[in-house]
């Protein structure tokens, strides 16, 4: 959890809203593990709430259908500045900016390998919904 907290606060600028210890029947039901305990830290990255969970030993592969490639995405005003800022953090893995379908983007990976997409939209747009629905 500590390396993830350092990444999300120090690299992505997450503002911590809560930090709680988890235990009890509800957590045991969700995890399927008697005596399960953990920690959840929630914070804001821009207007998005991100919750980091540390639940101890959990199965390496979640049962059920797999949805394929997943990532989370955050809009930035200046992708080049974000790319430059990422370069100032030793050990952070990220890609160079690229353009796909008119959206500039790059990917940065958190300490657990989760891909996080940073996007810069064209023409001052604030949402991909504007880009596609208003086209």
C-alpha atoms as a PDB file:
ATOM      1  CA  UNK A   1       0.000   0.000   0.000  1.00  0.00           C
ATOM      2  CA  UNK A   2       2.758   2.462   0.867  1.00  0.00           C
ATOM      3  CA  UNK A   3       4.371   2.353  -2.589  1.00  0.00           C
ATOM      4  CA  UNK A   4       0.953   2.819  -4.206  1.00  0.00           C
ATOM      5  CA  UNK A   5       0.172   5.754  -1.908  1.00  0.00           C
ATOM      6  CA  UNK A   6       3.508   7.359  -2.758  1.00  0.00           C
ATOM      7  CA  UNK A   7       2.788   6.936  -6.484  1.00  0.00           C
ATOM      8  CA  UNK A   8      -0.821   8.160  -6.456  1.00  0.00           C
ATOM      9  CA  UNK A   9      -0.102  11.156  -4.208  1.00  0.00           C
ATOM     10  CA  UNK A  10       3.404  12.068  -5.376  1.00  0.00           C
ATOM     11  CA  UNK A  11       3.157  11.293  -9.095  1.00  0.00           C
ATOM     12  CA  UNK A  12      -0.556  11.723  -9.885  1.00  0.00           C
ATOM     13  CA  UNK A  13      -1.330  14.326  -7.214  1.00  0.00           C
ATOM     14  CA  UNK A  14      -4.077  12.392  -5.405  1.00  0.00           C
ATOM     15  CA  UNK A  15      -5.605  14.319  -2.482  1.00  0.00           C
ATOM     16  CA  UNK A  16      -6.385  11.787   0.277  1.00  0.00           C
ATOM     17  CA  UNK A  17      -9.981  11.985   1.518  1.00  0.00           C
ATOM     18  CA  UNK A  18     -10.077   8.935   3.815  1.00  0.00           C
ATOM     19  CA  UNK A  19      -7.858   6.146   5.136  1.00  0.00           C
ATOM     20  CA  UNK A  20      -9.679   3.318   6.940  1.00  0.00           C
ATOM     21  CA  UNK A  21      -8.923  -0.152   8.259  1.00  0.00           C
ATOM     22  CA  UNK A  22     -11.309  -2.860   7.045  1.00  0.00           C
ATOM     23  CA  UNK A  23     -12.513  -5.952   8.913  1.00  0.00           C
ATOM     24  CA  UNK A  24     -15.677  -7.792   9.827  1.00  0.00           C
ATOM     25  CA  UNK A  25     -18.447  -9.893   8.330  1.00  0.00           C
ATOM     26  CA  UNK A  26     -19.011  -7.647   5.300  1.00  0.00           C
ATOM     27  CA  UNK A  27     -15.381  -7.856   4.215  1.00  0.00           C
ATOM     28  CA  UNK A  28     -15.334 -11.610   4.862  1.00  0.00           C
ATOM     29  CA  UNK A  29     -18.401 -11.983   2.625  1.00  0.00           C
ATOM     30  CA  UNK A  30     -16.896  -9.908  -0.199  1.00  0.00           C
ATOM     31  CA  UNK A  31     -13.493 -11.618  -0.099  1.00  0.00           C
ATOM     32  CA  UNK A  32     -14.738 -15.105   0.793  1.00  0.00           C
ATOM     33  CA  UNK A  33     -12.065 -15.265   3.498  1.00  0.00           C
ATOM     34  CA  UNK A  34     -12.738 -15.783   7.202  1.00  0.00           C
ATOM     35  CA  UNK A  35     -10.916 -13.196   9.300  1.00  0.00           C
ATOM     36  CA  UNK A  36     -10.204 -10.982   6.279  1.00  0.00           C
ATOM     37  CA  UNK A  37      -8.745  -7.592   7.102  1.00  0.00           C
ATOM     38  CA  UNK A  38      -7.358  -4.761   5.053  1.00  0.00           C
ATOM     39  CA  UNK A  39      -7.053  -1.074   4.416  1.00  0.00           C
ATOM     40  CA  UNK A  40      -8.774   1.301   2.001  1.00  0.00           C
ATOM     41  CA  UNK A  41      -7.471   4.748   1.087  1.00  0.00           C
ATOM     42  CA  UNK A  42      -9.646   6.991  -1.054  1.00  0.00           C
ATOM     43  CA  UNK A  43      -8.676  10.223  -2.684  1.00  0.00           C
ATOM     44  CA  UNK A  44      -9.357  12.649  -5.488  1.00  0.00           C
ATOM     45  CA  UNK A  45      -7.397  12.923  -8.708  1.00  0.00           C
ATOM     46  CA  UNK A  46      -9.029  15.948 -10.269  1.00  0.00           C
ATOM     47  CA  UNK A  47     -12.748  15.282  -9.848  1.00  0.00           C
ATOM     48  CA  UNK A  48     -12.368  11.473  -9.853  1.00  0.00           C
ATOM     49  CA  UNK A  49     -12.458   9.397  -6.680  1.00  0.00           C
ATOM     50  CA  UNK A  50      -9.858   6.621  -6.614  1.00  0.00           C
ATOM     51  CA  UNK A  51      -9.916   3.925  -3.935  1.00  0.00           C
ATOM     52  CA  UNK A  52      -6.800   1.887  -3.191  1.00  0.00           C
ATOM     53  CA  UNK A  53      -7.372  -1.440  -1.450  1.00  0.00           C
ATOM     54  CA  UNK A  54      -4.914  -3.630   0.437  1.00  0.00           C
ATOM     55  CA  UNK A  55      -6.605  -6.871   1.415  1.00  0.00           C
ATOM     56  CA  UNK A  56      -3.690  -9.138   2.221  1.00  0.00           C
ATOM     57  CA  UNK A  57      -3.622 -12.491   0.442  1.00  0.00           C
ATOM     58  CA  UNK A  58      -6.202 -12.558  -2.338  1.00  0.00           C
ATOM     59  CA  UNK A  59      -6.469 -14.950  -5.280  1.00  0.00           C
ATOM     60  CA  UNK A  60      -4.094 -14.031  -8.113  1.00  0.00           C
ATOM     61  CA  UNK A  61      -6.882 -14.498 -10.679  1.00  0.00           C
ATOM     62  CA  UNK A  62     -10.416 -13.327 -10.033  1.00  0.00           C
ATOM     63  CA  UNK A  63     -13.041 -15.936 -10.866  1.00  0.00           C
ATOM     64  CA  UNK A  64     -15.659 -15.153 -13.475  1.00  0.00           C
ATOM     65  CA  UNK A  65     -15.617 -13.516 -16.882  1.00  0.00           C
ATOM     66  CA  UNK A  66     -12.569 -11.493 -17.849  1.00  0.00           C
ATOM     67  CA  UNK A  67     -13.248  -8.257 -19.668  1.00  0.00           C
ATOM     68  CA  UNK A  68      -9.894  -8.038 -21.414  1.00  0.00           C
ATOM     69  CA  UNK A  69      -7.605  -5.025 -21.309  1.00  0.00           C
ATOM     70  CA  UNK A  70      -8.589  -2.451 -18.700  1.00  0.00           C
ATOM     71  CA  UNK A  71      -7.192   0.868 -17.557  1.00  0.00           C
ATOM     72  CA  UNK A  72      -8.342   4.093 -15.988  1.00  0.00           C
ATOM     73  CA  UNK A  73      -8.038   7.427 -17.715  1.00  0.00           C
ATOM     74  CA  UNK A  74      -7.527  11.001 -16.531  1.00  0.00           C
ATOM     75  CA  UNK A  75      -7.705  14.154 -18.641  1.00  0.00           C
ATOM     76  CA  UNK A  76      -4.787  16.570 -18.401  1.00  0.00           C
ATOM     77  CA  UNK A  77      -4.557  20.071 -19.848  1.00  0.00           C
ATOM     78  CA  UNK A  78      -1.006  19.693 -21.175  1.00  0.00           C
ATOM     79  CA  UNK A  79       0.185  16.192 -22.025  1.00  0.00           C
ATOM     80  CA  UNK A  80       3.720  17.347 -22.806  1.00  0.00           C
ATOM     81  CA  UNK A  81       4.007  18.915 -19.347  1.00  0.00           C
ATOM     82  CA  UNK A  82       2.619  15.717 -17.774  1.00  0.00           C
ATOM     83  CA  UNK A  83       5.171  13.659 -19.732  1.00  0.00           C
ATOM     84  CA  UNK A  84       7.977  15.939 -18.554  1.00  0.00           C
ATOM     85  CA  UNK A  85       6.757  15.734 -14.934  1.00  0.00           C
ATOM     86  CA  UNK A  86       6.667  11.921 -15.076  1.00  0.00           C
ATOM     87  CA  UNK A  87      10.301  11.963 -16.173  1.00  0.00           C
ATOM     88  CA  UNK A  88      11.242  13.632 -12.893  1.00  0.00           C
ATOM     89  CA  UNK A  89      10.093  10.570 -10.906  1.00  0.00           C
ATOM     90  CA  UNK A  90      12.774   7.874 -10.804  1.00  0.00           C
ATOM     91  CA  UNK A  91      11.559   4.357 -11.483  1.00  0.00           C
ATOM     92  CA  UNK A  92       8.161   5.347 -12.902  1.00  0.00           C
ATOM     93  CA  UNK A  93       7.367   3.439 -16.112  1.00  0.00           C
ATOM     94  CA  UNK A  94       5.559   5.424 -18.829  1.00  0.00           C
ATOM     95  CA  UNK A  95       5.209   5.683 -22.596  1.00  0.00           C
ATOM     96  CA  UNK A  96       5.877   8.666 -24.832  1.00  0.00           C
ATOM     97  CA  UNK A  97       2.838  10.687 -25.960  1.00  0.00           C
ATOM     98  CA  UNK A  98       1.009   9.385 -29.023  1.00  0.00           C
ATOM     99  CA  UNK A  99      -2.131  10.326 -30.965  1.00  0.00           C
ATOM    100  CA  UNK A 100      -5.003   7.908 -31.531  1.00  0.00           C
ATOM    101  CA  UNK A 101      -8.214   9.131 -33.141  1.00  0.00           C
ATOM    102  CA  UNK A 102      -7.443  12.778 -32.454  1.00  0.00           C
ATOM    103  CA  UNK A 103      -6.746  12.238 -28.753  1.00  0.00           C
ATOM    104  CA  UNK A 104      -3.192  12.658 -27.457  1.00  0.00           C
ATOM    105  CA  UNK A 105      -2.347  10.143 -24.760  1.00  0.00           C
ATOM    106  CA  UNK A 106       0.320   8.348 -22.810  1.00  0.00           C
ATOM    107  CA  UNK A 107       0.294   5.506 -20.329  1.00  0.00           C
ATOM    108  CA  UNK A 108       1.942   5.386 -16.927  1.00  0.00           C
ATOM    109  CA  UNK A 109       1.979   2.260 -14.751  1.00  0.00           C
ATOM    110  CA  UNK A 110       1.431   2.267 -11.008  1.00  0.00           C
ATOM    111  CA  UNK A 111       3.651   0.125  -8.721  1.00  0.00           C
ATOM    112  CA  UNK A 112       1.313  -2.862  -9.239  1.00  0.00           C
ATOM    113  CA  UNK A 113       1.458  -2.541 -13.040  1.00  0.00           C
ATOM    114  CA  UNK A 114      -1.992  -1.007 -13.507  1.00  0.00           C
ATOM    115  CA  UNK A 115      -1.994   1.049 -16.718  1.00  0.00           C
ATOM    116  CA  UNK A 116      -3.208   4.619 -16.242  1.00  0.00           C
ATOM    117  CA  UNK A 117      -3.998   6.646 -19.331  1.00  0.00           C
ATOM    118  CA  UNK A 118      -3.397  10.399 -19.352  1.00  0.00           C
ATOM    119  CA  UNK A 119      -5.239  12.128 -22.207  1.00  0.00           C
ATOM    120  CA  UNK A 120      -5.240  15.597 -23.730  1.00  0.00           C
ATOM    121  CA  UNK A 121      -8.361  16.376 -25.748  1.00  0.00           C
ATOM    122  CA  UNK A 122      -8.332  18.609 -28.827  1.00  0.00           C
ATOM    123  CA  UNK A 123      -9.745  22.116 -29.032  1.00  0.00           C
ATOM    124  CA  UNK A 124     -10.354  22.689 -25.342  1.00  0.00           C
ATOM    125  CA  UNK A 125     -12.840  19.822 -25.002  1.00  0.00           C
ATOM    126  CA  UNK A 126     -13.276  18.558 -21.451  1.00  0.00           C
ATOM    127  CA  UNK A 127     -14.784  15.143 -22.197  1.00  0.00           C
ATOM    128  CA  UNK A 128     -14.601  12.455 -24.852  1.00  0.00           C
ATOM    129  CA  UNK A 129     -18.411  12.539 -24.789  1.00  0.00           C
ATOM    130  CA  UNK A 130     -18.231  16.025 -26.319  1.00  0.00           C
ATOM    131  CA  UNK A 131     -15.836  14.726 -28.936  1.00  0.00           C
ATOM    132  CA  UNK A 132     -18.021  11.857 -30.109  1.00  0.00           C
ATOM    133  CA  UNK A 133     -21.611  12.972 -29.471  1.00  0.00           C
ATOM    134  CA  UNK A 134     -21.141  16.495 -30.793  1.00  0.00           C
ATOM    135  CA  UNK A 135     -19.187  15.357 -33.877  1.00  0.00           C
END
